Amino acid sequence: MALAGPTGKLFAFGRSDSSQLGIGRAGGVLAPGASEALPVPVLFPAREAGTGKPPFVTGVSCGGTFNLATTSSNQVYSWGFGEMGQLGHRPARGEETSDEPCPRLVDMSQARE
């Protein structure tokens, strides 16, 4: 991951075994084990309230198979391997946790204090 500080844009490169690059493709995601040699923009599907633009990323934390990003509006996004709940998304009733190919907003209203 590379954060272009002045622009708030996040770029990814490398191998994507678990969708950890966050660059899902139209019609599907990168095949397991596929890679990007050059930096490509991480695709944030959500829009910041009132701007209609992708979130302005202010920080990123990288794990081996998943990533987290914070934005200027104090929102948290996660993506990558999510089988063990490490992405912070509660599955729908009867569903299991799953991988996220693109950044997904973490519902911090559910956080325990």
PDB file of N, CA and C in Angstrom:
ATOM      1  N   MET A   1       0.839  -1.175   0.000  1.00  0.00           N
ATOM      2  CA  MET A   1       0.000   0.000   0.000  1.00  0.00           C
ATOM      3  C   MET A   1       0.887   1.243   0.000  1.00  0.00           C
ATOM      4  N   ALA A   2       0.419   2.239  -0.720  1.00  0.00           N
ATOM      5  CA  ALA A   2       1.111   3.532  -0.743  1.00  0.00           C
ATOM      6  C   ALA A   2       0.061   4.628  -0.659  1.00  0.00           C
ATOM      7  N   LEU A   3       0.205   5.492   0.330  1.00  0.00           N
ATOM      8  CA  LEU A   3      -0.731   6.591   0.530  1.00  0.00           C
ATOM      9  C   LEU A   3      -0.131   7.863  -0.041  1.00  0.00           C
ATOM     10  N   ALA A   4      -0.818   8.453  -1.019  1.00  0.00           N
ATOM     11  CA  ALA A   4      -0.385   9.721  -1.607  1.00  0.00           C
ATOM     12  C   ALA A   4      -0.967  10.823  -0.730  1.00  0.00           C
ATOM     13  N   GLY A   5      -0.250  11.176   0.328  1.00  0.00           N
ATOM     14  CA  GLY A   5      -0.714  12.093   1.361  1.00  0.00           C
ATOM     15  C   GLY A   5      -1.477  13.319   0.901  1.00  0.00           C
ATOM     16  N   PRO A   6      -0.925  14.143   0.008  1.00  0.00           N
ATOM     17  CA  PRO A   6      -1.628  15.363  -0.377  1.00  0.00           C
ATOM     18  C   PRO A   6      -2.948  15.124  -1.119  1.00  0.00           C
ATOM     19  N   THR A   7      -3.104  13.962  -1.732  1.00  0.00           N
ATOM     20  CA  THR A   7      -4.323  13.686  -2.496  1.00  0.00           C
ATOM     21  C   THR A   7      -5.318  12.817  -1.739  1.00  0.00           C
ATOM     22  N   GLY A   8      -4.878  12.151  -0.677  1.00  0.00           N
ATOM     23  CA  GLY A   8      -5.752  11.255   0.068  1.00  0.00           C
ATOM     24  C   GLY A   8      -6.099   9.995  -0.689  1.00  0.00           C
ATOM     25  N   LYS A   9      -5.354   9.701  -1.748  1.00  0.00           N
ATOM     26  CA  LYS A   9      -5.606   8.492  -2.529  1.00  0.00           C
ATOM     27  C   LYS A   9      -4.677   7.379  -2.077  1.00  0.00           C
ATOM     28  N   LEU A  10      -5.199   6.156  -2.110  1.00  0.00           N
ATOM     29  CA  LEU A  10      -4.453   4.987  -1.675  1.00  0.00           C
ATOM     30  C   LEU A  10      -4.209   4.093  -2.886  1.00  0.00           C
ATOM     31  N   PHE A  11      -2.982   3.606  -3.012  1.00  0.00           N
ATOM     32  CA  PHE A  11      -2.605   2.756  -4.134  1.00  0.00           C
ATOM     33  C   PHE A  11      -2.116   1.408  -3.612  1.00  0.00           C
ATOM     34  N   ALA A  12      -2.343   0.363  -4.405  1.00  0.00           N
ATOM     35  CA  ALA A  12      -1.948  -0.987  -4.021  1.00  0.00           C
ATOM     36  C   ALA A  12      -1.109  -1.619  -5.122  1.00  0.00           C
ATOM     37  N   PHE A  13      -0.248  -2.533  -4.705  1.00  0.00           N
ATOM     38  CA  PHE A  13       0.530  -3.322  -5.659  1.00  0.00           C
ATOM     39  C   PHE A  13       1.005  -4.564  -4.935  1.00  0.00           C
ATOM     40  N   GLY A  14       1.327  -5.596  -5.702  1.00  0.00           N
ATOM     41  CA  GLY A  14       1.781  -6.856  -5.122  1.00  0.00           C
ATOM     42  C   GLY A  14       0.805  -7.977  -5.381  1.00  0.00           C
ATOM     43  N   ARG A  15       0.957  -9.055  -4.634  1.00  0.00           N
ATOM     44  CA  ARG A  15       0.155 -10.262  -4.806  1.00  0.00           C
ATOM     45  C   ARG A  15      -1.165 -10.132  -4.038  1.00  0.00           C
ATOM     46  N   SER A  16      -2.214 -10.712  -4.589  1.00  0.00           N
ATOM     47  CA  SER A  16      -3.539 -10.618  -3.968  1.00  0.00           C
ATOM     48  C   SER A  16      -4.159 -11.993  -3.784  1.00  0.00           C
ATOM     49  N   ASP A  17      -3.666 -12.742  -2.820  1.00  0.00           N
ATOM     50  CA  ASP A  17      -4.232 -14.066  -2.542  1.00  0.00           C
ATOM     51  C   ASP A  17      -5.598 -13.982  -1.876  1.00  0.00           C
ATOM     52  N   SER A  18      -5.842 -12.925  -1.123  1.00  0.00           N
ATOM     53  CA  SER A  18      -7.061 -12.839  -0.319  1.00  0.00           C
ATOM     54  C   SER A  18      -7.814 -11.530  -0.537  1.00  0.00           C
ATOM     55  N   SER A  19      -7.713 -10.978  -1.729  1.00  0.00           N
ATOM     56  CA  SER A  19      -8.366  -9.703  -2.064  1.00  0.00           C
ATOM     57  C   SER A  19      -7.802  -8.541  -1.261  1.00  0.00           C
ATOM     58  N   GLN A  20      -6.608  -8.705  -0.673  1.00  0.00           N
ATOM     59  CA  GLN A  20      -6.062  -7.670   0.185  1.00  0.00           C
ATOM     60  C   GLN A  20      -5.613  -6.410  -0.549  1.00  0.00           C
ATOM     61  N   LEU A  21      -5.575  -6.448  -1.888  1.00  0.00           N
ATOM     62  CA  LEU A  21      -5.206  -5.227  -2.607  1.00  0.00           C
ATOM     63  C   LEU A  21      -6.367  -4.237  -2.666  1.00  0.00           C
ATOM     64  N   GLY A  22      -7.592  -4.704  -2.548  1.00  0.00           N
ATOM     65  CA  GLY A  22      -8.738  -3.800  -2.554  1.00  0.00           C
ATOM     66  C   GLY A  22      -9.013  -3.195  -3.911  1.00  0.00           C
ATOM     67  N   ILE A  23      -8.673  -3.918  -4.964  1.00  0.00           N
ATOM     68  CA  ILE A  23      -8.835  -3.377  -6.317  1.00  0.00           C
ATOM     69  C   ILE A  23      -9.723  -4.280  -7.151  1.00  0.00           C
ATOM     70  N   GLY A  24     -10.866  -4.683  -6.585  1.00  0.00           N
ATOM     71  CA  GLY A  24     -11.795  -5.532  -7.320  1.00  0.00           C
ATOM     72  C   GLY A  24     -11.980  -5.029  -8.742  1.00  0.00           C
ATOM     73  N   ARG A  25     -12.186  -5.920  -9.654  1.00  0.00           N
ATOM     74  CA  ARG A  25     -12.323  -5.587 -11.074  1.00  0.00           C
ATOM     75  C   ARG A  25     -13.783  -5.654 -11.508  1.00  0.00           C
ATOM     76  N   ALA A  26     -14.161  -4.885 -12.514  1.00  0.00           N
ATOM     77  CA  ALA A  26     -15.494  -4.977 -13.093  1.00  0.00           C
ATOM     78  C   ALA A  26     -15.692  -6.416 -13.562  1.00  0.00           C
ATOM     79  N   GLY A  27     -16.815  -7.005 -13.208  1.00  0.00           N
ATOM     80  CA  GLY A  27     -17.074  -8.387 -13.609  1.00  0.00           C
ATOM     81  C   GLY A  27     -16.374  -9.403 -12.736  1.00  0.00           C
ATOM     82  N   GLY A  28     -15.772  -8.988 -11.641  1.00  0.00           N
ATOM     83  CA  GLY A  28     -15.114  -9.934 -10.746  1.00  0.00           C
ATOM     84  C   GLY A  28     -13.924  -9.309 -10.059  1.00  0.00           C
ATOM     85  N   VAL A  29     -13.204 -10.102  -9.337  1.00  0.00           N
ATOM     86  CA  VAL A  29     -12.032  -9.632  -8.620  1.00  0.00           C
ATOM     87  C   VAL A  29     -10.811 -10.319  -9.195  1.00  0.00           C
ATOM     88  N   LEU A  30      -9.650  -9.865  -8.786  1.00  0.00           N
ATOM     89  CA  LEU A  30      -8.430 -10.523  -9.225  1.00  0.00           C
ATOM     90  C   LEU A  30      -8.470 -11.995  -8.835  1.00  0.00           C
ATOM     91  N   ALA A  31      -8.007 -12.825  -9.705  1.00  0.00           N
ATOM     92  CA  ALA A  31      -7.936 -14.253  -9.397  1.00  0.00           C
ATOM     93  C   ALA A  31      -6.963 -14.467  -8.244  1.00  0.00           C
ATOM     94  N   PRO A  32      -7.219 -15.445  -7.371  1.00  0.00           N
ATOM     95  CA  PRO A  32      -6.294 -15.720  -6.280  1.00  0.00           C
ATOM     96  C   PRO A  32      -4.874 -15.903  -6.803  1.00  0.00           C
ATOM     97  N   GLY A  33      -3.934 -15.220  -6.170  1.00  0.00           N
ATOM     98  CA  GLY A  33      -2.541 -15.319  -6.567  1.00  0.00           C
ATOM     99  C   GLY A  33      -2.159 -14.341  -7.657  1.00  0.00           C
ATOM    100  N   ALA A  34      -3.145 -13.627  -8.230  1.00  0.00           N
ATOM    101  CA  ALA A  34      -2.832 -12.625  -9.252  1.00  0.00           C
ATOM    102  C   ALA A  34      -2.077 -11.481  -8.590  1.00  0.00           C
ATOM    103  N   SER A  35      -1.391 -10.701  -9.390  1.00  0.00           N
ATOM    104  CA  SER A  35      -0.635  -9.601  -8.806  1.00  0.00           C
ATOM    105  C   SER A  35      -0.661  -8.379  -9.707  1.00  0.00           C
ATOM    106  N   GLU A  36      -0.340  -7.256  -9.110  1.00  0.00           N
ATOM    107  CA  GLU A  36      -0.204  -5.982  -9.800  1.00  0.00           C
ATOM    108  C   GLU A  36       1.220  -5.507  -9.541  1.00  0.00           C
ATOM    109  N   ALA A  37       1.986  -5.330 -10.614  1.00  0.00           N
ATOM    110  CA  ALA A  37       3.372  -4.901 -10.456  1.00  0.00           C
ATOM    111  C   ALA A  37       3.479  -3.393 -10.263  1.00  0.00           C
ATOM    112  N   LEU A  38       2.559  -2.647 -10.828  1.00  0.00           N
ATOM    113  CA  LEU A  38       2.577  -1.192 -10.708  1.00  0.00           C
ATOM    114  C   LEU A  38       1.449  -0.732  -9.795  1.00  0.00           C
ATOM    115  N   PRO A  39       1.616   0.384  -9.104  1.00  0.00           N
ATOM    116  CA  PRO A  39       0.547   0.874  -8.218  1.00  0.00           C
ATOM    117  C   PRO A  39      -0.746   1.161  -8.983  1.00  0.00           C
ATOM    118  N   VAL A  40      -1.858   0.686  -8.434  1.00  0.00           N
ATOM    119  CA  VAL A  40      -3.186   0.962  -8.973  1.00  0.00           C
ATOM    120  C   VAL A  40      -4.060   1.484  -7.833  1.00  0.00           C
ATOM    121  N   PRO A  41      -5.033   2.345  -8.122  1.00  0.00           N
ATOM    122  CA  PRO A  41      -5.859   2.917  -7.052  1.00  0.00           C
ATOM    123  C   PRO A  41      -6.708   1.861  -6.355  1.00  0.00           C
ATOM    124  N   VAL A  42      -6.779   1.965  -5.037  1.00  0.00           N
ATOM    125  CA  VAL A  42      -7.686   1.139  -4.253  1.00  0.00           C
ATOM    126  C   VAL A  42      -9.082   1.709  -4.476  1.00  0.00           C
ATOM    127  N   LEU A  43     -10.067   0.832  -4.685  1.00  0.00           N
ATOM    128  CA  LEU A  43     -11.416   1.267  -5.019  1.00  0.00           C
ATOM    129  C   LEU A  43     -12.296   1.383  -3.784  1.00  0.00           C
ATOM    130  N   PHE A  44     -12.543   2.600  -3.353  1.00  0.00           N
ATOM    131  CA  PHE A  44     -13.439   2.851  -2.235  1.00  0.00           C
ATOM    132  C   PHE A  44     -14.848   3.022  -2.785  1.00  0.00           C
ATOM    133  N   PRO A  45     -15.761   2.067  -2.537  1.00  0.00           N
ATOM    134  CA  PRO A  45     -17.098   2.156  -3.115  1.00  0.00           C
ATOM    135  C   PRO A  45     -17.986   3.210  -2.468  1.00  0.00           C
ATOM    136  N   ALA A  46     -17.747   3.521  -1.203  1.00  0.00           N
ATOM    137  CA  ALA A  46     -18.585   4.487  -0.496  1.00  0.00           C
ATOM    138  C   ALA A  46     -18.157   5.915  -0.835  1.00  0.00           C
ATOM    139  N   ARG A  47     -19.059   6.828  -0.653  1.00  0.00           N
ATOM    140  CA  ARG A  47     -18.785   8.252  -0.886  1.00  0.00           C
ATOM    141  C   ARG A  47     -18.882   8.994   0.429  1.00  0.00           C
ATOM    142  N   GLU A  48     -18.021   9.967   0.611  1.00  0.00           N
ATOM    143  CA  GLU A  48     -18.088  10.805   1.809  1.00  0.00           C
ATOM    144  C   GLU A  48     -19.383  11.615   1.766  1.00  0.00           C
ATOM    145  N   ALA A  49     -20.026  11.752   2.886  1.00  0.00           N
ATOM    146  CA  ALA A  49     -21.287  12.497   2.960  1.00  0.00           C
ATOM    147  C   ALA A  49     -21.084  13.942   2.499  1.00  0.00           C
ATOM    148  N   GLY A  50     -21.934  14.379   1.593  1.00  0.00           N
ATOM    149  CA  GLY A  50     -21.921  15.767   1.150  1.00  0.00           C
ATOM    150  C   GLY A  50     -20.934  16.113   0.053  1.00  0.00           C
ATOM    151  N   THR A  51     -19.962  15.220  -0.247  1.00  0.00           N
ATOM    152  CA  THR A  51     -18.976  15.559  -1.269  1.00  0.00           C
ATOM    153  C   THR A  51     -19.187  14.812  -2.575  1.00  0.00           C
ATOM    154  N   GLY A  52     -19.747  13.617  -2.508  1.00  0.00           N
ATOM    155  CA  GLY A  52     -19.912  12.801  -3.701  1.00  0.00           C
ATOM    156  C   GLY A  52     -18.595  12.256  -4.225  1.00  0.00           C
ATOM    157  N   LYS A  53     -17.529  12.421  -3.453  1.00  0.00           N
ATOM    158  CA  LYS A  53     -16.203  11.952  -3.858  1.00  0.00           C
ATOM    159  C   LYS A  53     -15.776  10.790  -2.964  1.00  0.00           C
ATOM    160  N   PRO A  54     -14.827   9.987  -3.441  1.00  0.00           N
ATOM    161  CA  PRO A  54     -14.316   8.913  -2.581  1.00  0.00           C
ATOM    162  C   PRO A  54     -13.710   9.483  -1.299  1.00  0.00           C
ATOM    163  N   PRO A  55     -13.681   8.679  -0.252  1.00  0.00           N
ATOM    164  CA  PRO A  55     -13.109   9.139   1.010  1.00  0.00           C
ATOM    165  C   PRO A  55     -11.663   9.633   0.849  1.00  0.00           C
ATOM    166  N   PHE A  56     -11.300  10.629   1.644  1.00  0.00           N
ATOM    167  CA  PHE A  56      -9.936  11.155   1.684  1.00  0.00           C
ATOM    168  C   PHE A  56      -9.188  10.344   2.735  1.00  0.00           C
ATOM    169  N   VAL A  57      -8.299   9.459   2.302  1.00  0.00           N
ATOM    170  CA  VAL A  57      -7.595   8.547   3.205  1.00  0.00           C
ATOM    171  C   VAL A  57      -6.478   9.290   3.934  1.00  0.00           C
ATOM    172  N   THR A  58      -6.462   9.142   5.253  1.00  0.00           N
ATOM    173  CA  THR A  58      -5.436   9.793   6.069  1.00  0.00           C
ATOM    174  C   THR A  58      -4.468   8.802   6.709  1.00  0.00           C
ATOM    175  N   GLY A  59      -4.852   7.522   6.738  1.00  0.00           N
ATOM    176  CA  GLY A  59      -3.974   6.521   7.335  1.00  0.00           C
ATOM    177  C   GLY A  59      -4.308   5.134   6.832  1.00  0.00           C
ATOM    178  N   VAL A  60      -3.304   4.267   6.860  1.00  0.00           N
ATOM    179  CA  VAL A  60      -3.500   2.890   6.426  1.00  0.00           C
ATOM    180  C   VAL A  60      -2.685   1.963   7.317  1.00  0.00           C
ATOM    181  N   SER A  61      -3.245   0.800   7.597  1.00  0.00           N
ATOM    182  CA  SER A  61      -2.554  -0.222   8.364  1.00  0.00           C
ATOM    183  C   SER A  61      -2.655  -1.520   7.570  1.00  0.00           C
ATOM    184  N   CYS A  62      -1.518  -2.138   7.339  1.00  0.00           N
ATOM    185  CA  CYS A  62      -1.474  -3.326   6.482  1.00  0.00           C
ATOM    186  C   CYS A  62      -1.178  -4.584   7.274  1.00  0.00           C
ATOM    187  N   GLY A  63      -1.989  -5.600   7.055  1.00  0.00           N
ATOM    188  CA  GLY A  63      -1.730  -6.920   7.600  1.00  0.00           C
ATOM    189  C   GLY A  63      -1.264  -7.806   6.460  1.00  0.00           C
ATOM    190  N   GLY A  64      -0.963  -9.040   6.750  1.00  0.00           N
ATOM    191  CA  GLY A  64      -0.512  -9.946   5.708  1.00  0.00           C
ATOM    192  C   GLY A  64      -1.592 -10.278   4.694  1.00  0.00           C
ATOM    193  N   THR A  65      -2.855 -10.305   5.140  1.00  0.00           N
ATOM    194  CA  THR A  65      -3.944 -10.680   4.241  1.00  0.00           C
ATOM    195  C   THR A  65      -5.128  -9.714   4.283  1.00  0.00           C
ATOM    196  N   PHE A  66      -4.999  -8.613   5.006  1.00  0.00           N
ATOM    197  CA  PHE A  66      -6.083  -7.631   5.042  1.00  0.00           C
ATOM    198  C   PHE A  66      -5.501  -6.257   5.360  1.00  0.00           C
ATOM    199  N   ASN A  67      -6.313  -5.220   5.117  1.00  0.00           N
ATOM    200  CA  ASN A  67      -5.867  -3.844   5.355  1.00  0.00           C
ATOM    201  C   ASN A  67      -6.983  -3.031   5.973  1.00  0.00           C
ATOM    202  N   LEU A  68      -6.595  -1.953   6.653  1.00  0.00           N
ATOM    203  CA  LEU A  68      -7.521  -0.998   7.239  1.00  0.00           C
ATOM    204  C   LEU A  68      -7.108   0.397   6.805  1.00  0.00           C
ATOM    205  N   ALA A  69      -8.083   1.263   6.587  1.00  0.00           N
ATOM    206  CA  ALA A  69      -7.787   2.653   6.251  1.00  0.00           C
ATOM    207  C   ALA A  69      -8.704   3.567   7.042  1.00  0.00           C
ATOM    208  N   THR A  70      -8.178   4.716   7.459  1.00  0.00           N
ATOM    209  CA  THR A  70      -8.977   5.736   8.112  1.00  0.00           C
ATOM    210  C   THR A  70      -9.084   6.931   7.171  1.00  0.00           C
ATOM    211  N   THR A  71     -10.160   7.695   7.343  1.00  0.00           N
ATOM    212  CA  THR A  71     -10.387   8.836   6.466  1.00  0.00           C
ATOM    213  C   THR A  71     -10.432  10.138   7.267  1.00  0.00           C
ATOM    214  N   SER A  72     -10.457  11.240   6.539  1.00  0.00           N
ATOM    215  CA  SER A  72     -10.488  12.560   7.182  1.00  0.00           C
ATOM    216  C   SER A  72     -11.773  12.787   7.973  1.00  0.00           C
ATOM    217  N   SER A  73     -12.810  11.993   7.698  1.00  0.00           N
ATOM    218  CA  SER A  73     -14.054  12.116   8.465  1.00  0.00           C
ATOM    219  C   SER A  73     -14.137  11.064   9.572  1.00  0.00           C
ATOM    220  N   ASN A  74     -12.988  10.493   9.936  1.00  0.00           N
ATOM    221  CA  ASN A  74     -12.871   9.516  11.030  1.00  0.00           C
ATOM    222  C   ASN A  74     -13.656   8.232  10.785  1.00  0.00           C
ATOM    223  N   GLN A  75     -13.787   7.846   9.528  1.00  0.00           N
ATOM    224  CA  GLN A  75     -14.405   6.569   9.220  1.00  0.00           C
ATOM    225  C   GLN A  75     -13.309   5.531   9.013  1.00  0.00           C
ATOM    226  N   VAL A  76     -13.654   4.260   9.236  1.00  0.00           N
ATOM    227  CA  VAL A  76     -12.715   3.149   9.089  1.00  0.00           C
ATOM    228  C   VAL A  76     -13.241   2.211   8.009  1.00  0.00           C
ATOM    229  N   TYR A  77     -12.361   1.819   7.103  1.00  0.00           N
ATOM    230  CA  TYR A  77     -12.685   0.868   6.038  1.00  0.00           C
ATOM    231  C   TYR A  77     -11.760  -0.328   6.171  1.00  0.00           C
ATOM    232  N   SER A  78     -12.255  -1.511   5.803  1.00  0.00           N
ATOM    233  CA  SER A  78     -11.419  -2.716   5.825  1.00  0.00           C
ATOM    234  C   SER A  78     -11.699  -3.546   4.583  1.00  0.00           C
ATOM    235  N   TRP A  79     -10.706  -4.366   4.204  1.00  0.00           N
ATOM    236  CA  TRP A  79     -10.848  -5.266   3.057  1.00  0.00           C
ATOM    237  C   TRP A  79      -9.779  -6.335   3.107  1.00  0.00           C
ATOM    238  N   GLY A  80     -10.022  -7.409   2.350  1.00  0.00           N
ATOM    239  CA  GLY A  80      -9.096  -8.528   2.298  1.00  0.00           C
ATOM    240  C   GLY A  80      -9.715  -9.787   2.862  1.00  0.00           C
ATOM    241  N   PHE A  81      -8.891 -10.612   3.472  1.00  0.00           N
ATOM    242  CA  PHE A  81      -9.302 -11.901   4.041  1.00  0.00           C
ATOM    243  C   PHE A  81     -10.106 -11.646   5.309  1.00  0.00           C
ATOM    244  N   GLY A  82     -11.343 -12.133   5.337  1.00  0.00           N
ATOM    245  CA  GLY A  82     -12.195 -11.847   6.488  1.00  0.00           C
ATOM    246  C   GLY A  82     -12.818 -13.049   7.136  1.00  0.00           C
ATOM    247  N   GLU A  83     -12.299 -14.218   6.860  1.00  0.00           N
ATOM    248  CA  GLU A  83     -12.913 -15.448   7.329  1.00  0.00           C
ATOM    249  C   GLU A  83     -12.970 -15.575   8.851  1.00  0.00           C
ATOM    250  N   MET A  84     -12.085 -14.909   9.558  1.00  0.00           N
ATOM    251  CA  MET A  84     -12.054 -15.034  11.021  1.00  0.00           C
ATOM    252  C   MET A  84     -12.539 -13.773  11.726  1.00  0.00           C
ATOM    253  N   GLY A  85     -13.257 -12.912  10.997  1.00  0.00           N
ATOM    254  CA  GLY A  85     -13.841 -11.728  11.615  1.00  0.00           C
ATOM    255  C   GLY A  85     -12.916 -10.542  11.756  1.00  0.00           C
ATOM    256  N   GLN A  86     -11.699 -10.623  11.232  1.00  0.00           N
ATOM    257  CA  GLN A  86     -10.733  -9.545  11.453  1.00  0.00           C
ATOM    258  C   GLN A  86     -11.052  -8.257  10.697  1.00  0.00           C
ATOM    259  N   LEU A  87     -12.062  -8.267   9.831  1.00  0.00           N
ATOM    260  CA  LEU A  87     -12.416  -7.052   9.092  1.00  0.00           C
ATOM    261  C   LEU A  87     -13.396  -6.169   9.855  1.00  0.00           C
ATOM    262  N   GLY A  88     -13.968  -6.703  10.921  1.00  0.00           N
ATOM    263  CA  GLY A  88     -14.878  -5.896  11.732  1.00  0.00           C
ATOM    264  C   GLY A  88     -16.283  -5.782  11.177  1.00  0.00           C
ATOM    265  N   HIS A  89     -16.681  -6.716  10.312  1.00  0.00           N
ATOM    266  CA  HIS A  89     -18.027  -6.709   9.737  1.00  0.00           C
ATOM    267  C   HIS A  89     -18.828  -7.844  10.327  1.00  0.00           C
ATOM    268  N   ARG A  90     -19.960  -7.515  10.890  1.00  0.00           N
ATOM    269  CA  ARG A  90     -20.830  -8.551  11.433  1.00  0.00           C
ATOM    270  C   ARG A  90     -21.584  -9.190  10.270  1.00  0.00           C
ATOM    271  N   PRO A  91     -21.500 -10.507  10.127  1.00  0.00           N
ATOM    272  CA  PRO A  91     -22.229 -11.156   9.029  1.00  0.00           C
ATOM    273  C   PRO A  91     -23.731 -11.105   9.257  1.00  0.00           C
ATOM    274  N   ALA A  92     -24.487 -11.148   8.168  1.00  0.00           N
ATOM    275  CA  ALA A  92     -25.944 -11.214   8.273  1.00  0.00           C
ATOM    276  C   ALA A  92     -26.322 -12.525   8.950  1.00  0.00           C
ATOM    277  N   ARG A  93     -27.472 -12.564   9.549  1.00  0.00           N
ATOM    278  CA  ARG A  93     -27.923 -13.762  10.265  1.00  0.00           C
ATOM    279  C   ARG A  93     -27.850 -14.986   9.350  1.00  0.00           C
ATOM    280  N   GLY A  94     -27.211 -16.031   9.819  1.00  0.00           N
ATOM    281  CA  GLY A  94     -27.090 -17.263   9.065  1.00  0.00           C
ATOM    282  C   GLY A  94     -25.942 -17.287   8.072  1.00  0.00           C
ATOM    283  N   GLU A  95     -25.240 -16.162   7.921  1.00  0.00           N
ATOM    284  CA  GLU A  95     -24.104 -16.116   7.002  1.00  0.00           C
ATOM    285  C   GLU A  95     -22.796 -16.179   7.781  1.00  0.00           C
ATOM    286  N   GLU A  96     -21.744 -16.565   7.077  1.00  0.00           N
ATOM    287  CA  GLU A  96     -20.421 -16.588   7.681  1.00  0.00           C
ATOM    288  C   GLU A  96     -19.658 -15.339   7.259  1.00  0.00           C
ATOM    289  N   THR A  97     -18.607 -15.007   8.000  1.00  0.00           N
ATOM    290  CA  THR A  97     -17.773 -13.888   7.585  1.00  0.00           C
ATOM    291  C   THR A  97     -17.110 -14.252   6.266  1.00  0.00           C
ATOM    292  N   SER A  98     -16.758 -13.236   5.483  1.00  0.00           N
ATOM    293  CA  SER A  98     -16.182 -13.523   4.179  1.00  0.00           C
ATOM    294  C   SER A  98     -15.155 -12.470   3.799  1.00  0.00           C
ATOM    295  N   ASP A  99     -14.471 -12.728   2.718  1.00  0.00           N
ATOM    296  CA  ASP A  99     -13.486 -11.793   2.196  1.00  0.00           C
ATOM    297  C   ASP A  99     -14.195 -10.586   1.593  1.00  0.00           C
ATOM    298  N   GLU A 100     -13.506  -9.456   1.590  1.00  0.00           N
ATOM    299  CA  GLU A 100     -14.009  -8.231   0.980  1.00  0.00           C
ATOM    300  C   GLU A 100     -13.019  -7.817  -0.100  1.00  0.00           C
ATOM    301  N   PRO A 101     -13.420  -7.805  -1.382  1.00  0.00           N
ATOM    302  CA  PRO A 101     -12.494  -7.461  -2.455  1.00  0.00           C
ATOM    303  C   PRO A 101     -12.217  -5.963  -2.590  1.00  0.00           C
ATOM    304  N   CYS A 102     -13.065  -5.136  -1.982  1.00  0.00           N
ATOM    305  CA  CYS A 102     -12.898  -3.674  -2.014  1.00  0.00           C
ATOM    306  C   CYS A 102     -13.144  -3.136  -0.611  1.00  0.00           C
ATOM    307  N   PRO A 103     -12.630  -1.955  -0.304  1.00  0.00           N
ATOM    308  CA  PRO A 103     -12.862  -1.392   1.021  1.00  0.00           C
ATOM    309  C   PRO A 103     -14.349  -1.305   1.353  1.00  0.00           C
ATOM    310  N   ARG A 104     -14.656  -1.685   2.583  1.00  0.00           N
ATOM    311  CA  ARG A 104     -16.036  -1.637   3.082  1.00  0.00           C
ATOM    312  C   ARG A 104     -16.033  -0.887   4.406  1.00  0.00           C
ATOM    313  N   LEU A 105     -16.990   0.005   4.568  1.00  0.00           N
ATOM    314  CA  LEU A 105     -17.098   0.811   5.781  1.00  0.00           C
ATOM    315  C   LEU A 105     -17.349  -0.086   6.985  1.00  0.00           C
ATOM    316  N   VAL A 106     -16.586   0.122   8.047  1.00  0.00           N
ATOM    317  CA  VAL A 106     -16.787  -0.600   9.300  1.00  0.00           C
ATOM    318  C   VAL A 106     -17.790   0.189  10.129  1.00  0.00           C
ATOM    319  N   ASP A 107     -18.838  -0.476  10.596  1.00  0.00           N
ATOM    320  CA  ASP A 107     -19.872   0.172  11.398  1.00  0.00           C
ATOM    321  C   ASP A 107     -19.360   0.336  12.833  1.00  0.00           C
ATOM    322  N   MET A 108     -18.776   1.493  13.094  1.00  0.00           N
ATOM    323  CA  MET A 108     -18.189   1.732  14.420  1.00  0.00           C
ATOM    324  C   MET A 108     -19.247   1.968  15.501  1.00  0.00           C
ATOM    325  N   SER A 109     -20.517   2.146  15.117  1.00  0.00           N
ATOM    326  CA  SER A 109     -21.569   2.310  16.128  1.00  0.00           C
ATOM    327  C   SER A 109     -21.778   1.014  16.891  1.00  0.00           C
ATOM    328  N   GLN A 110     -21.298  -0.098  16.347  1.00  0.00           N
ATOM    329  CA  GLN A 110     -21.413  -1.399  17.009  1.00  0.00           C
ATOM    330  C   GLN A 110     -20.221  -1.716  17.905  1.00  0.00           C
ATOM    331  N   ALA A 111     -19.235  -0.823  17.944  1.00  0.00           N
ATOM    332  CA  ALA A 111     -18.013  -1.074  18.719  1.00  0.00           C
ATOM    333  C   ALA A 111     -18.302  -1.075  20.218  1.00  0.00           C
ATOM    334  N   ARG A 112     -17.633  -1.954  20.927  1.00  0.00           N
ATOM    335  CA  ARG A 112     -17.751  -2.002  22.388  1.00  0.00           C
ATOM    336  C   ARG A 112     -16.732  -1.067  22.991  1.00  0.00           C
ATOM    337  N   GLU A 113     -17.132  -0.390  24.017  1.00  0.00           N
ATOM    338  CA  GLU A 113     -16.206   0.551  24.667  1.00  0.00           C
ATOM    339  C   GLU A 113     -15.592  -0.047  25.892  1.00  0.00           C
TER     340      GLU A 113
END
